[in-house]
Amino acid sequence: MLVGVPLIFVFLILLGTIYWKASDSIQDVASREMIQMAEVNAANINTALQKKSRQLETVTRLWGTENASYDEMMLGAREFASKTSDFFVGFPDQPFIDGAGFDIPSDFDATSRGWYKEAAESTKVCQSSVYKAANGVPVVSFSSAIRSGGNLVGVAGCDLNLDLVEEMLSKAKIYKTGKAFLISKEGNFIYHEKYSLDNSITSVDDADLKALASTFLSGKPVFTSSPNSAENFYASVPVGDSGWVLVLCVPQAEVFASSTELLGIMVGITIAAFILLAAILFYIARLISVPVENLAEFASNVAQGDLRTVPQPLDRTDEIGTLHNAFCNMTENLRKLIRQVSDTAGRVAASSSDLTANTQEAAQASEFAANSVAQIAETSTAQSETIVSAASMMQQASSSIGEVADVIKEIVTSAKMTEDET
């Protein structure tokens, strides 16, 4: 348990670090991918704009160089209008030409229009703001001055229906459910699945778009997340020199789907590792605790004086096996020592019994000698020979008593030694 808890914390820290690093890496990759996707789609839109601009520039330069007549310009306007939504030419001193054949009032003065004035003062093709055509489709107009010999002859213009932008962006593959929208330099929606050209990004009911409006219109590539809900990632890039901005929107859940999947895999691996670790720790704990518990039980029995049960030696060569086998040897040697002490005590008890018997016999002999001395004393007056004989017998008895005393002393000494040995 003491080993498992730190390992679990290490696993959790490692798991969090890996997921954090993976999320950061995935966000960096998503940032680059979304910016690249936005740049590709913006380049496609800008290519369509530049194509129309170059066509118009080519025509106006050709007419100016060749000093084309009014009739040639009318035929050319009709030809180009058949390939595009419209092609028109305004003059300062001639009737307005509309290649599409729209009914134009006879008093229409093209020189008063903004597109005419802007092109007349410029040497480049001018692009108008996006506006709605009669059919409600967003349209952008291009205008270019026709000059011959440095003099302004007129201004030619053409329209570009931006339904191609809708077709292009609606088919764009942006992750799984990512969306794209296009805003003008004024902030109006040229294309959006929910908003139209009448809506401005600064006034919609989407708090994230309103908060990011100035960021998108900064004219720089931007990658950011939702400032309020943190639900989406946004990537915006400018569309050429048009002032338009293309924005990609992708749910963060899709961006982090791979890291979430990685987290799931890592969690599964971690759980499996925890289970395996728990099994290993349990096995190791049992491998250590069971022999120790058995050894503790045997030691408790020995402490209580019970040597009847002797633990069997183990085949283990580790510290637990060495300790167990040493305890087994100690117990067996203790049993042998107690058995030897018991045998020695038995022999000492037998010797003590023999010494006691000898002491009793010596006491009886002393009593018999005393009785004999008394009898001799009583009969001493009878005859001297008897006295002499009795004296001799007394001397012998005295010697016997001394010997008995010596025997008794030896017996006492032997008994004391036996007591010390016991």
Protein backbone atom coordinates (compact mmCIF):
# COMPACT_ATOMS: atom_id res chain seq x y z
CA MET A 1 0.00 0.00 0.00
CA LEU A 2 2.83 2.37 0.89
CA VAL A 3 4.41 1.67 -2.51
CA GLY A 4 1.16 1.69 -4.50
CA VAL A 5 -0.10 5.12 -3.42
CA PRO A 6 3.00 7.03 -4.62
CA LEU A 7 2.94 5.08 -7.87
CA ILE A 8 -0.71 6.01 -8.39
CA PHE A 9 0.13 9.67 -7.87
CA VAL A 10 3.03 9.34 -10.30
CA PHE A 11 0.69 7.78 -12.88
CA LEU A 12 -1.86 10.57 -12.43
CA ILE A 13 0.76 13.30 -12.73
CA LEU A 14 2.22 11.61 -15.80
CA LEU A 15 -1.24 11.24 -17.32
CA GLY A 16 -2.10 14.91 -16.73
CA THR A 17 1.24 16.09 -18.12
CA ILE A 18 0.92 13.99 -21.26
CA TYR A 19 -2.65 15.13 -21.86
CA TRP A 20 -1.69 18.78 -21.30
CA LYS A 21 1.26 18.51 -23.67
CA ALA A 22 -0.82 16.64 -26.23
CA SER A 23 -3.58 19.28 -26.03
CA ASP A 24 -1.08 22.08 -26.56
CA SER A 25 0.48 20.26 -29.49
CA ILE A 26 -2.89 19.54 -31.04
CA GLN A 27 -3.95 23.17 -30.61
CA ASP A 28 -0.74 24.31 -32.31
CA VAL A 29 -1.34 21.89 -35.17
CA ALA A 30 -4.98 23.00 -35.42
CA SER A 31 -3.85 26.63 -35.51
CA ARG A 32 -1.56 25.99 -38.44
CA GLU A 33 -4.07 23.78 -40.24
CA MET A 34 -6.95 26.25 -39.87
CA ILE A 35 -4.82 29.20 -40.98
CA GLN A 36 -3.63 27.18 -44.00
CA MET A 37 -7.17 26.11 -44.88
CA ALA A 38 -8.36 29.70 -44.56
CA GLU A 39 -5.50 30.93 -46.75
CA VAL A 40 -6.26 28.33 -49.43
CA ASN A 41 -9.94 29.23 -49.55
CA ALA A 42 -9.13 32.96 -49.43
CA ALA A 43 -6.69 32.46 -52.29
CA ASN A 44 -9.41 30.74 -54.34
CA ILE A 45 -11.79 33.66 -53.73
CA ASN A 46 -9.07 36.17 -54.50
CA THR A 47 -8.22 34.28 -57.70
CA ALA A 48 -11.81 34.70 -58.88
CA LEU A 49 -11.66 38.41 -58.09
CA GLN A 50 -8.28 38.86 -59.76
CA LYS A 51 -9.41 36.94 -62.81
CA LYS A 52 -12.33 39.31 -63.33
CA SER A 53 -10.10 42.30 -62.61
CA ARG A 54 -7.45 41.21 -65.13
CA GLN A 55 -10.06 40.55 -67.79
CA LEU A 56 -11.45 44.03 -67.39
CA GLU A 57 -7.99 45.58 -67.34
CA THR A 58 -7.03 43.72 -70.49
CA VAL A 59 -10.14 44.88 -72.34
CA THR A 60 -9.82 48.53 -71.34
CA ARG A 61 -6.14 48.67 -72.26
CA LEU A 62 -6.84 47.01 -75.59
CA TRP A 63 -9.62 49.46 -76.40
CA GLY A 64 -7.46 52.39 -75.42
CA THR A 65 -4.47 51.17 -77.38
CA GLU A 66 -6.49 50.41 -80.51
CA ASN A 67 -8.64 53.54 -80.09
CA ALA A 68 -11.79 51.40 -80.34
CA SER A 69 -14.95 53.01 -81.66
CA TYR A 70 -18.25 53.30 -79.80
CA ASP A 71 -19.76 50.49 -81.90
CA GLU A 72 -16.80 48.18 -81.21
CA MET A 73 -17.15 48.82 -77.51
CA MET A 74 -20.89 48.02 -77.68
CA LEU A 75 -20.24 44.72 -79.45
CA GLY A 76 -17.50 43.86 -76.97
CA ALA A 77 -19.73 44.76 -74.00
CA ARG A 78 -22.45 42.45 -75.25
CA GLU A 79 -19.97 39.63 -75.80
CA PHE A 80 -18.49 39.92 -72.34
CA ALA A 81 -21.93 40.33 -70.73
CA SER A 82 -22.94 36.98 -72.19
CA LYS A 83 -20.12 35.38 -70.22
CA THR A 84 -20.65 37.30 -67.00
CA SER A 85 -23.55 38.88 -65.17
CA ASP A 86 -23.06 42.28 -66.81
CA PHE A 87 -20.58 44.47 -68.67
CA PHE A 88 -21.08 48.19 -69.12
CA VAL A 89 -19.28 51.32 -70.35
CA GLY A 90 -19.87 54.96 -69.36
CA PHE A 91 -18.76 57.95 -71.35
CA PRO A 92 -18.53 61.67 -70.58
CA ASP A 93 -20.09 62.59 -73.92
CA GLN A 94 -21.79 59.45 -75.28
CA PRO A 95 -24.74 57.26 -74.27
CA PHE A 96 -24.22 54.59 -71.59
CA ILE A 97 -23.61 51.05 -72.89
CA ASP A 98 -25.10 48.11 -70.98
CA GLY A 99 -24.01 44.81 -72.50
CA ALA A 100 -26.70 42.78 -70.69
CA GLY A 101 -29.41 44.88 -72.37
CA PHE A 102 -30.97 46.24 -69.21
CA ASP A 103 -33.40 49.11 -69.71
CA ILE A 104 -31.30 52.13 -68.85
CA PRO A 105 -32.94 55.61 -68.69
CA SER A 106 -31.83 57.90 -71.52
CA ASP A 107 -30.78 60.58 -69.06
CA PHE A 108 -28.59 58.20 -67.02
CA ASP A 109 -25.34 60.00 -66.24
CA ALA A 110 -22.55 57.51 -65.57
CA THR A 111 -20.06 60.25 -64.71
CA SER A 112 -21.95 60.98 -61.53
CA ARG A 113 -21.54 57.43 -60.22
CA GLY A 114 -18.91 56.50 -57.69
CA TRP A 115 -17.49 53.65 -59.71
CA TYR A 116 -16.94 56.03 -62.65
CA LYS A 117 -15.29 58.74 -60.60
CA GLU A 118 -13.04 56.28 -58.72
CA ALA A 119 -11.78 54.61 -61.91
CA ALA A 120 -11.36 57.94 -63.73
CA GLU A 121 -8.95 59.08 -61.01
CA SER A 122 -7.02 55.79 -60.86
CA THR A 123 -4.68 53.91 -63.14
CA LYS A 124 -5.71 50.54 -61.69
CA VAL A 125 -8.83 48.46 -61.70
CA CYS A 126 -11.13 49.60 -58.88
CA GLN A 127 -13.34 47.30 -56.85
CA SER A 128 -16.62 48.45 -55.38
CA SER A 129 -18.17 47.53 -52.09
CA VAL A 130 -20.38 44.45 -52.06
CA TYR A 131 -24.04 45.17 -52.74
CA LYS A 132 -27.19 43.22 -53.46
CA ALA A 133 -28.31 42.76 -57.03
CA ALA A 134 -31.96 42.87 -58.04
CA ASN A 135 -32.22 39.11 -57.46
CA GLY A 136 -30.79 39.49 -53.92
CA VAL A 137 -27.44 37.88 -54.76
CA PRO A 138 -24.37 39.71 -53.41
CA VAL A 139 -22.46 41.38 -56.22
CA VAL A 140 -19.17 43.23 -56.51
CA SER A 141 -18.34 45.56 -59.41
CA PHE A 142 -15.01 46.32 -61.07
CA SER A 143 -14.28 49.45 -63.04
CA SER A 144 -11.31 50.53 -65.15
CA ALA A 145 -10.63 53.72 -67.12
CA ILE A 146 -10.26 53.60 -70.92
CA ARG A 147 -7.49 55.95 -71.97
CA SER A 148 -6.16 56.72 -75.44
CA GLY A 149 -3.11 58.86 -75.79
CA GLY A 150 -3.37 59.83 -72.15
CA ASN A 151 -6.91 61.14 -72.53
CA LEU A 152 -9.93 59.61 -70.71
CA VAL A 153 -12.28 58.04 -73.22
CA GLY A 154 -14.62 56.37 -70.76
CA VAL A 155 -14.89 53.88 -67.90
CA ALA A 156 -15.76 50.20 -68.37
CA GLY A 157 -17.14 48.05 -65.61
CA CYS A 158 -18.37 44.54 -64.93
CA ASP A 159 -20.15 42.71 -62.13
CA LEU A 160 -19.19 39.52 -60.39
CA ASN A 161 -21.97 37.54 -58.75
CA LEU A 162 -20.71 36.22 -55.46
CA ASP A 163 -22.86 33.11 -55.54
CA LEU A 164 -19.61 31.37 -56.50
CA VAL A 165 -18.34 32.28 -53.04
CA GLU A 166 -21.32 30.54 -51.46
CA GLU A 167 -20.75 27.48 -53.62
CA MET A 168 -17.05 27.46 -52.82
CA LEU A 169 -17.35 27.91 -49.06
CA SER A 170 -20.36 25.65 -48.59
CA LYS A 171 -18.37 22.78 -50.07
CA ALA A 172 -15.20 23.51 -48.14
CA LYS A 173 -14.11 20.60 -45.94
CA ILE A 174 -13.25 22.08 -42.55
CA TYR A 175 -12.76 19.23 -40.09
CA LYS A 176 -16.14 17.50 -39.69
CA THR A 177 -18.64 20.24 -38.93
CA GLY A 178 -16.51 23.38 -39.26
CA LYS A 179 -18.02 26.38 -41.03
CA ALA A 180 -16.65 29.29 -43.04
CA PHE A 181 -18.03 32.79 -43.56
CA LEU A 182 -16.88 35.84 -45.48
CA ILE A 183 -17.20 39.45 -44.32
CA SER A 184 -16.60 42.66 -46.21
CA LYS A 185 -14.21 45.36 -45.10
CA GLU A 186 -17.24 47.16 -43.63
CA GLY A 187 -18.01 44.11 -41.51
CA ASN A 188 -21.11 42.90 -43.40
CA PHE A 189 -21.60 39.22 -44.13
CA ILE A 190 -20.94 38.44 -47.80
CA TYR A 191 -21.55 34.79 -47.00
CA HIS A 192 -22.81 33.15 -43.80
CA GLU A 193 -25.17 30.24 -43.29
CA LYS A 194 -27.27 32.32 -40.89
CA TYR A 195 -26.62 36.01 -41.62
CA SER A 196 -26.85 38.04 -44.86
CA LEU A 197 -25.30 41.15 -46.35
CA ASP A 198 -27.76 43.24 -44.32
CA ASN A 199 -26.19 42.01 -41.09
CA SER A 200 -23.02 43.41 -39.59
CA ILE A 201 -20.65 41.35 -37.45
CA THR A 202 -20.67 44.15 -34.88
CA SER A 203 -24.42 43.97 -34.34
CA VAL A 204 -25.36 40.29 -34.56
CA ASP A 205 -26.72 38.36 -31.58
CA ASP A 206 -23.59 36.18 -31.41
CA ALA A 207 -21.52 37.41 -28.47
CA ASP A 208 -18.34 35.71 -29.70
CA LEU A 209 -18.52 37.26 -33.17
CA LYS A 210 -19.21 40.70 -31.75
CA ALA A 211 -16.26 40.38 -29.39
CA LEU A 212 -13.94 39.22 -32.17
CA ALA A 213 -15.11 41.68 -34.86
CA SER A 214 -12.18 44.06 -34.47
CA THR A 215 -9.74 41.14 -34.37
CA PHE A 216 -11.06 39.71 -37.66
CA LEU A 217 -11.03 43.11 -39.38
CA SER A 218 -7.45 43.86 -38.33
CA GLY A 219 -6.18 42.67 -41.72
CA LYS A 220 -3.84 40.06 -40.21
CA PRO A 221 -4.07 36.26 -39.99
CA VAL A 222 -5.54 35.39 -36.60
CA PHE A 223 -6.14 32.16 -34.66
CA THR A 224 -8.17 32.47 -31.48
CA SER A 225 -10.81 30.79 -29.36
CA SER A 226 -14.26 31.88 -28.30
CA PRO A 227 -13.78 34.63 -25.70
CA ASN A 228 -17.09 33.93 -23.95
CA SER A 229 -18.09 30.31 -24.36
CA ALA A 230 -14.73 28.70 -25.28
CA GLU A 231 -16.67 26.38 -27.58
CA ASN A 232 -15.02 27.20 -30.92
CA PHE A 233 -11.72 27.98 -32.54
CA TYR A 234 -11.58 30.76 -35.14
CA ALA A 235 -9.04 31.38 -37.90
CA SER A 236 -9.27 34.49 -40.05
CA VAL A 237 -7.20 35.68 -43.04
CA PRO A 238 -7.58 38.66 -45.38
CA VAL A 239 -8.68 37.96 -48.97
CA GLY A 240 -5.96 39.58 -51.07
CA ASP A 241 -6.27 43.38 -51.30
CA SER A 242 -10.06 43.33 -51.35
CA GLY A 243 -10.41 44.15 -47.67
CA TRP A 244 -12.58 41.08 -47.21
CA VAL A 245 -11.91 38.62 -44.41
CA LEU A 246 -12.47 34.87 -44.54
CA VAL A 247 -13.18 33.27 -41.17
CA LEU A 248 -13.21 29.58 -40.30
CA CYS A 249 -15.07 28.33 -37.23
CA VAL A 250 -14.44 24.85 -35.79
CA PRO A 251 -15.80 23.38 -32.52
CA GLN A 252 -13.02 22.80 -30.02
CA ALA A 253 -14.40 19.33 -29.33
CA GLU A 254 -13.52 18.33 -32.89
CA VAL A 255 -10.05 19.80 -32.64
CA PHE A 256 -9.37 17.97 -29.39
CA ALA A 257 -11.11 14.79 -30.50
CA SER A 258 -7.78 13.08 -31.07
CA SER A 259 -6.43 14.21 -27.69
CA THR A 260 -9.69 13.10 -26.03
CA GLU A 261 -9.31 9.74 -27.71
CA LEU A 262 -5.70 9.65 -26.58
CA LEU A 263 -6.82 10.49 -23.06
CA GLY A 264 -9.33 7.62 -23.16
CA ILE A 265 -6.63 5.22 -24.30
CA MET A 266 -4.28 6.50 -21.62
CA VAL A 267 -6.95 6.20 -18.94
CA GLY A 268 -7.62 2.62 -20.05
CA ILE A 269 -3.92 1.83 -19.98
CA THR A 270 -3.60 3.51 -16.58
CA ILE A 271 -6.51 1.53 -15.14
CA ALA A 272 -5.04 -1.69 -16.51
CA ALA A 273 -1.67 -0.69 -15.04
CA PHE A 274 -3.34 0.04 -11.68
CA ILE A 275 -5.00 -3.37 -11.68
CA LEU A 276 -1.76 -5.09 -12.64
CA LEU A 277 0.14 -3.09 -10.04
CA ALA A 278 -2.43 -3.95 -7.38
CA ALA A 279 -2.17 -7.65 -8.27
CA ILE A 280 1.63 -7.52 -8.14
CA LEU A 281 1.63 -5.64 -4.83
CA PHE A 282 -0.91 -8.07 -3.36
CA TYR A 283 1.19 -11.02 -4.48
CA ILE A 284 4.35 -9.47 -3.05
CA ALA A 285 2.57 -8.58 0.18
CA ARG A 286 1.27 -12.12 0.55
CA LEU A 287 4.70 -13.46 -0.32
CA ILE A 288 6.13 -11.48 2.58
CA SER A 289 3.30 -11.33 5.11
CA VAL A 290 2.25 -15.02 5.18
CA PRO A 291 5.68 -16.41 6.19
CA VAL A 292 6.16 -13.54 8.65
CA GLU A 293 2.75 -14.15 10.23
CA ASN A 294 3.47 -17.89 10.53
CA LEU A 295 6.86 -17.12 12.02
CA ALA A 296 5.29 -14.68 14.49
CA GLU A 297 2.80 -17.38 15.57
CA PHE A 298 5.60 -19.93 16.11
CA ALA A 299 7.63 -17.36 18.04
CA SER A 300 4.61 -16.63 20.27
CA ASN A 301 4.24 -20.36 21.01
CA VAL A 302 7.93 -20.64 21.83
CA ALA A 303 7.67 -17.60 24.11
CA GLN A 304 4.88 -19.39 25.98
CA GLY A 305 7.07 -22.51 26.33
CA ASP A 306 5.33 -24.62 23.67
CA LEU A 307 8.02 -26.38 21.62
CA ARG A 308 5.83 -29.18 20.34
CA THR A 309 5.40 -27.66 16.90
CA VAL A 310 8.45 -26.89 14.78
CA PRO A 311 8.02 -24.87 11.50
CA GLN A 312 9.18 -26.61 8.37
CA PRO A 313 12.18 -25.08 6.54
CA LEU A 314 11.48 -23.13 3.33
CA ASP A 315 13.18 -23.40 -0.04
CA ARG A 316 13.32 -19.62 -0.39
CA THR A 317 16.76 -18.05 -0.56
CA ASP A 318 15.72 -14.45 0.13
CA GLU A 319 15.79 -12.64 3.48
CA ILE A 320 12.41 -14.07 4.53
CA GLY A 321 13.58 -17.63 3.80
CA THR A 322 16.86 -17.06 5.63
CA LEU A 323 15.05 -15.68 8.69
CA HIS A 324 12.51 -18.52 8.68
CA ASN A 325 15.14 -21.25 8.38
CA ALA A 326 17.28 -19.62 11.09
CA PHE A 327 14.23 -19.62 13.41
CA CYS A 328 13.65 -23.29 12.60
CA ASN A 329 17.26 -24.13 13.49
CA MET A 330 17.03 -22.06 16.68
CA THR A 331 13.84 -23.87 17.75
CA GLU A 332 15.31 -27.30 17.03
CA ASN A 333 18.51 -26.50 18.95
CA LEU A 334 16.43 -25.19 21.85
CA ARG A 335 14.45 -28.44 21.89
CA LYS A 336 17.72 -30.43 21.99
CA LEU A 337 19.12 -28.28 24.79
CA ILE A 338 15.99 -28.67 26.92
CA ARG A 339 16.04 -32.43 26.24
CA GLN A 340 19.68 -32.61 27.43
CA VAL A 341 18.89 -30.56 30.52
CA SER A 342 15.96 -32.85 31.28
CA ASP A 343 18.14 -35.98 30.96
CA THR A 344 20.84 -34.45 33.19
CA ALA A 345 18.26 -33.52 35.82
CA GLY A 346 16.98 -37.12 35.80
CA ARG A 347 20.45 -38.52 36.39
CA VAL A 348 21.06 -36.01 39.18
CA ALA A 349 17.75 -37.02 40.81
CA ALA A 350 18.79 -40.71 40.70
CA SER A 351 22.17 -39.90 42.31
CA SER A 352 20.45 -37.94 45.03
CA SER A 353 18.20 -40.93 45.78
CA ASP A 354 21.23 -43.22 46.15
CA LEU A 355 22.99 -40.78 48.46
CA THR A 356 19.87 -40.53 50.63
CA ALA A 357 19.77 -44.33 51.01
CA ASN A 358 23.48 -44.43 52.01
CA THR A 359 22.89 -41.70 54.58
CA GLN A 360 20.04 -43.67 56.16
CA GLU A 361 22.23 -46.78 56.37
CA ALA A 362 25.03 -44.78 58.07
CA ALA A 363 22.56 -43.37 60.58
CA GLN A 364 21.34 -46.86 61.44
CA ALA A 365 24.96 -48.01 61.89
CA SER A 366 25.63 -45.08 64.24
CA GLU A 367 22.56 -45.92 66.28
CA PHE A 368 23.64 -49.55 66.51
CA ALA A 369 27.13 -48.47 67.66
CA ALA A 370 25.66 -46.23 70.35
CA ASN A 371 23.53 -49.04 71.65
CA SER A 372 26.59 -51.28 71.78
CA VAL A 373 28.56 -48.69 73.78
CA ALA A 374 25.75 -48.46 76.31
CA GLN A 375 25.66 -52.20 76.77
CA ILE A 376 29.45 -52.32 77.20
CA ALA A 377 29.31 -49.57 79.81
CA GLU A 378 26.73 -51.46 81.85
CA THR A 379 28.74 -54.66 81.83
CA SER A 380 32.15 -52.99 82.37
CA THR A 381 32.02 -53.69 86.09
CA ALA A 382 31.50 -57.36 85.36
CA GLN A 383 34.87 -58.16 84.08
CA SER A 384 37.87 -56.30 82.93
CA GLU A 385 38.43 -58.48 79.98
CA THR A 386 35.00 -57.64 78.90
CA ILE A 387 35.90 -53.99 79.55
CA VAL A 388 39.07 -54.28 77.56
CA SER A 389 37.18 -56.04 74.91
CA ALA A 390 34.48 -53.43 75.14
CA ALA A 391 37.10 -50.67 75.01
CA SER A 392 38.52 -52.26 71.94
CA MET A 393 35.06 -52.47 70.49
CA MET A 394 34.48 -48.81 71.45
CA GLN A 395 37.64 -47.83 69.64
CA GLN A 396 36.51 -49.73 66.59
CA ALA A 397 33.08 -48.16 66.85
CA SER A 398 34.66 -44.73 67.14
CA SER A 399 36.65 -45.41 64.01
CA SER A 400 33.46 -46.54 62.31
CA ILE A 401 31.71 -43.36 63.42
CA GLY A 402 34.58 -41.27 61.98
CA GLU A 403 34.32 -43.11 58.73
CA VAL A 404 30.55 -42.63 58.76
CA ALA A 405 31.06 -38.92 59.43
CA ASP A 406 33.45 -38.73 56.51
CA VAL A 407 30.92 -40.54 54.33
CA ILE A 408 28.21 -38.16 55.49
CA LYS A 409 30.48 -35.20 54.69
CA GLU A 410 31.10 -36.59 51.23
CA ILE A 411 27.38 -37.14 50.79
CA VAL A 412 26.65 -33.53 51.80
CA THR A 413 29.34 -32.27 49.44
CA SER A 414 28.00 -34.45 46.63
CA ALA A 415 24.42 -33.28 47.31
CA LYS A 416 25.55 -29.65 47.17
CA MET A 417 27.30 -30.30 43.86
CA THR A 418 24.18 -32.00 42.54
CA GLU A 419 22.09 -29.04 43.64
CA ASP A 420 24.49 -26.68 41.83
CA GLU A 421 24.37 -28.82 38.67
CA THR A 422 20.58 -28.95 38.84
